[in-house]
Amino acid sequence: PFPQEEELHVKSARLAELNAELNIDDKMPMERLAGDTEAVAKSTRPSILQKLHAPLPEQTNSKPKHKEMEVSR
């Protein structure tokens, strides 16, 4: 039906062979290990909730952020 149909069949067959050799459809042991390290990395990160519940450190700013305005009558 279209000019590149034969090329499509050849390349699709080659792709299927390569996928079978590489076992792309199934998880390989290295991919499982990569998934485990990701879980470990998440557990070793500091907790954001702990930071939110921790008291703020005292700030020693000598300048106030807002100056009071004098009211003239």
N, C-alpha and C. Protein backbone atom coordinates (compact mmCIF):
# COMPACT_ATOMS: atom_id res chain seq x y z
N PRO A 1 0.80 -1.22 0.00
CA PRO A 1 0.00 0.00 0.00
C PRO A 1 0.84 1.28 0.00
N PHE A 2 2.05 1.28 0.55
CA PHE A 2 2.86 2.50 0.49
C PHE A 2 4.30 2.11 0.16
N PRO A 3 5.08 3.03 -0.38
CA PRO A 3 6.41 2.69 -0.91
C PRO A 3 7.40 2.14 0.12
N GLN A 4 7.37 2.60 1.35
CA GLN A 4 8.36 2.16 2.34
C GLN A 4 7.87 1.00 3.20
N GLU A 5 6.86 0.30 2.76
CA GLU A 5 6.29 -0.79 3.55
C GLU A 5 7.31 -1.90 3.79
N GLU A 6 8.06 -2.27 2.76
CA GLU A 6 9.06 -3.33 2.91
C GLU A 6 10.15 -2.90 3.89
N GLU A 7 10.58 -1.65 3.79
CA GLU A 7 11.60 -1.13 4.72
C GLU A 7 11.07 -1.15 6.15
N LEU A 8 9.80 -0.81 6.33
CA LEU A 8 9.18 -0.84 7.65
C LEU A 8 9.20 -2.25 8.23
N HIS A 9 8.86 -3.24 7.42
CA HIS A 9 8.85 -4.63 7.90
C HIS A 9 10.26 -5.09 8.28
N VAL A 10 11.25 -4.73 7.49
CA VAL A 10 12.63 -5.14 7.77
C VAL A 10 13.11 -4.50 9.06
N LYS A 11 12.86 -3.21 9.20
CA LYS A 11 13.33 -2.51 10.41
C LYS A 11 12.54 -2.94 11.64
N SER A 12 11.27 -3.23 11.49
CA SER A 12 10.48 -3.71 12.63
C SER A 12 10.97 -5.07 13.10
N ALA A 13 11.32 -5.93 12.15
CA ALA A 13 11.84 -7.25 12.51
C ALA A 13 13.19 -7.10 13.22
N ARG A 14 14.04 -6.21 12.73
CA ARG A 14 15.35 -5.99 13.37
C ARG A 14 15.17 -5.42 14.77
N LEU A 15 14.24 -4.51 14.93
CA LEU A 15 13.96 -3.93 16.24
C LEU A 15 13.48 -5.00 17.21
N ALA A 16 12.62 -5.89 16.74
CA ALA A 16 12.14 -6.98 17.60
C ALA A 16 13.28 -7.89 18.03
N GLU A 17 14.21 -8.17 17.10
CA GLU A 17 15.38 -8.99 17.45
C GLU A 17 16.24 -8.31 18.51
N LEU A 18 16.50 -7.02 18.32
CA LEU A 18 17.34 -6.30 19.28
C LEU A 18 16.66 -6.20 20.64
N ASN A 19 15.36 -5.97 20.65
CA ASN A 19 14.63 -5.92 21.92
C ASN A 19 14.70 -7.25 22.65
N ALA A 20 14.60 -8.34 21.90
CA ALA A 20 14.68 -9.66 22.52
C ALA A 20 16.07 -9.89 23.10
N GLU A 21 17.11 -9.45 22.39
CA GLU A 21 18.47 -9.63 22.89
C GLU A 21 18.73 -8.79 24.13
N LEU A 22 18.19 -7.61 24.16
CA LEU A 22 18.44 -6.71 25.28
C LEU A 22 17.45 -6.89 26.42
N ASN A 23 16.41 -7.67 26.21
CA ASN A 23 15.35 -7.86 27.20
C ASN A 23 14.79 -6.52 27.68
N ILE A 24 14.48 -5.65 26.76
CA ILE A 24 13.95 -4.33 27.11
C ILE A 24 12.59 -4.45 27.79
N ASP A 25 11.81 -5.40 27.36
CA ASP A 25 10.46 -5.53 27.93
C ASP A 25 10.50 -5.98 29.38
N ASP A 26 11.49 -6.79 29.76
CA ASP A 26 11.62 -7.26 31.14
C ASP A 26 12.65 -6.41 31.85
N LYS A 27 12.45 -6.23 33.15
CA LYS A 27 13.45 -5.47 33.92
C LYS A 27 14.70 -6.32 34.08
N MET A 28 15.81 -5.70 33.80
CA MET A 28 17.09 -6.37 33.97
C MET A 28 17.57 -6.11 35.39
N PRO A 29 18.51 -6.91 35.91
CA PRO A 29 19.01 -6.70 37.27
C PRO A 29 19.57 -5.29 37.50
N MET A 30 20.24 -4.72 36.52
CA MET A 30 20.78 -3.37 36.69
C MET A 30 19.66 -2.35 36.85
N GLU A 31 18.56 -2.53 36.14
CA GLU A 31 17.43 -1.62 36.28
C GLU A 31 16.78 -1.76 37.65
N ARG A 32 16.74 -2.98 38.17
CA ARG A 32 16.19 -3.17 39.52
C ARG A 32 17.06 -2.46 40.55
N LEU A 33 18.39 -2.57 40.38
CA LEU A 33 19.30 -1.90 41.30
C LEU A 33 19.14 -0.39 41.23
N ALA A 34 18.94 0.14 40.05
CA ALA A 34 18.76 1.58 39.90
C ALA A 34 17.50 2.02 40.62
N GLY A 35 16.45 1.23 40.57
CA GLY A 35 15.22 1.55 41.29
C GLY A 35 15.43 1.51 42.79
N ASP A 36 16.25 0.58 43.30
CA ASP A 36 16.52 0.49 44.73
C ASP A 36 17.32 1.68 45.21
N THR A 37 18.29 2.13 44.44
CA THR A 37 19.09 3.28 44.86
C THR A 37 18.25 4.54 44.92
N GLU A 38 17.26 4.62 44.05
CA GLU A 38 16.36 5.78 44.09
C GLU A 38 15.58 5.78 45.39
N ALA A 39 15.13 4.61 45.84
CA ALA A 39 14.40 4.53 47.10
C ALA A 39 15.30 4.87 48.27
N VAL A 40 16.55 4.45 48.23
CA VAL A 40 17.49 4.77 49.29
C VAL A 40 17.76 6.26 49.31
N ALA A 41 17.91 6.85 48.15
CA ALA A 41 18.18 8.28 48.08
C ALA A 41 17.03 9.07 48.68
N LYS A 42 15.80 8.64 48.47
CA LYS A 42 14.66 9.34 49.05
C LYS A 42 14.67 9.24 50.57
N SER A 43 15.09 8.10 51.10
CA SER A 43 15.06 7.92 52.55
C SER A 43 16.19 8.68 53.24
N THR A 44 17.26 9.02 52.54
CA THR A 44 18.37 9.73 53.16
C THR A 44 18.24 11.24 53.05
N ARG A 45 17.26 11.72 52.31
CA ARG A 45 17.08 13.17 52.20
C ARG A 45 16.52 13.72 53.50
N PRO A 46 16.85 14.96 53.85
CA PRO A 46 16.30 15.55 55.07
C PRO A 46 14.80 15.79 54.91
N SER A 47 14.10 15.69 56.00
CA SER A 47 12.66 15.82 55.98
C SER A 47 12.26 17.30 55.93
N ILE A 48 11.42 17.63 55.01
CA ILE A 48 10.92 19.00 54.91
C ILE A 48 9.96 19.28 56.05
N LEU A 49 9.18 18.28 56.46
CA LEU A 49 8.25 18.48 57.57
C LEU A 49 8.99 18.81 58.86
N GLN A 50 10.14 18.18 59.09
CA GLN A 50 10.92 18.49 60.29
C GLN A 50 11.40 19.93 60.25
N LYS A 51 11.80 20.39 59.08
CA LYS A 51 12.24 21.78 58.96
C LYS A 51 11.08 22.75 59.22
N LEU A 52 9.89 22.38 58.78
CA LEU A 52 8.73 23.26 58.99
C LEU A 52 8.36 23.35 60.46
N HIS A 53 8.50 22.25 61.20
CA HIS A 53 8.13 22.24 62.62
C HIS A 53 9.24 22.76 63.52
N ALA A 54 10.45 22.87 63.02
CA ALA A 54 11.57 23.37 63.82
C ALA A 54 11.42 24.87 64.05
N PRO A 55 11.83 25.37 65.22
CA PRO A 55 11.73 26.81 65.47
C PRO A 55 12.69 27.58 64.58
N LEU A 56 12.30 28.80 64.25
CA LEU A 56 13.15 29.64 63.42
C LEU A 56 14.33 30.15 64.23
N PRO A 57 15.50 30.24 63.64
CA PRO A 57 16.64 30.80 64.37
C PRO A 57 16.44 32.30 64.59
N GLU A 58 17.01 32.80 65.68
CA GLU A 58 16.87 34.22 65.97
C GLU A 58 17.64 35.03 64.95
N GLN A 59 17.00 36.10 64.50
CA GLN A 59 17.65 36.97 63.53
C GLN A 59 18.12 38.22 64.25
N THR A 60 19.30 38.66 63.93
CA THR A 60 19.86 39.85 64.57
C THR A 60 19.96 40.98 63.56
N ASN A 61 18.83 41.37 63.04
CA ASN A 61 18.81 42.49 62.11
C ASN A 61 18.83 43.79 62.90
N SER A 62 19.75 44.66 62.59
CA SER A 62 19.82 45.93 63.30
C SER A 62 18.84 46.94 62.72
N LYS A 63 18.47 46.78 61.47
CA LYS A 63 17.55 47.72 60.84
C LYS A 63 16.14 47.12 60.83
N PRO A 64 15.16 47.88 61.27
CA PRO A 64 13.79 47.38 61.13
C PRO A 64 13.36 47.45 59.67
N LYS A 65 12.47 46.56 59.30
CA LYS A 65 12.02 46.52 57.92
C LYS A 65 11.15 47.72 57.57
N HIS A 66 10.29 48.13 58.50
CA HIS A 66 9.39 49.25 58.25
C HIS A 66 9.64 50.32 59.30
N LYS A 67 9.71 51.54 58.85
CA LYS A 67 9.86 52.65 59.77
C LYS A 67 8.47 53.19 60.09
N GLU A 68 8.30 53.57 61.33
CA GLU A 68 7.02 54.17 61.70
C GLU A 68 6.98 55.59 61.15
N MET A 69 5.84 55.93 60.64
CA MET A 69 5.69 57.28 60.09
C MET A 69 5.14 58.20 61.16
N GLU A 70 5.67 59.42 61.17
CA GLU A 70 5.16 60.41 62.11
C GLU A 70 3.91 61.03 61.53
N VAL A 71 2.95 61.22 62.38
CA VAL A 71 1.70 61.83 61.95
C VAL A 71 1.75 63.30 62.34
N SER A 72 1.61 64.18 61.38
CA SER A 72 1.60 65.61 61.69
C SER A 72 0.17 66.11 61.70
N ARG A 73 -0.14 66.90 62.73
CA ARG A 73 -1.51 67.39 62.85
C ARG A 73 -1.54 68.86 62.72
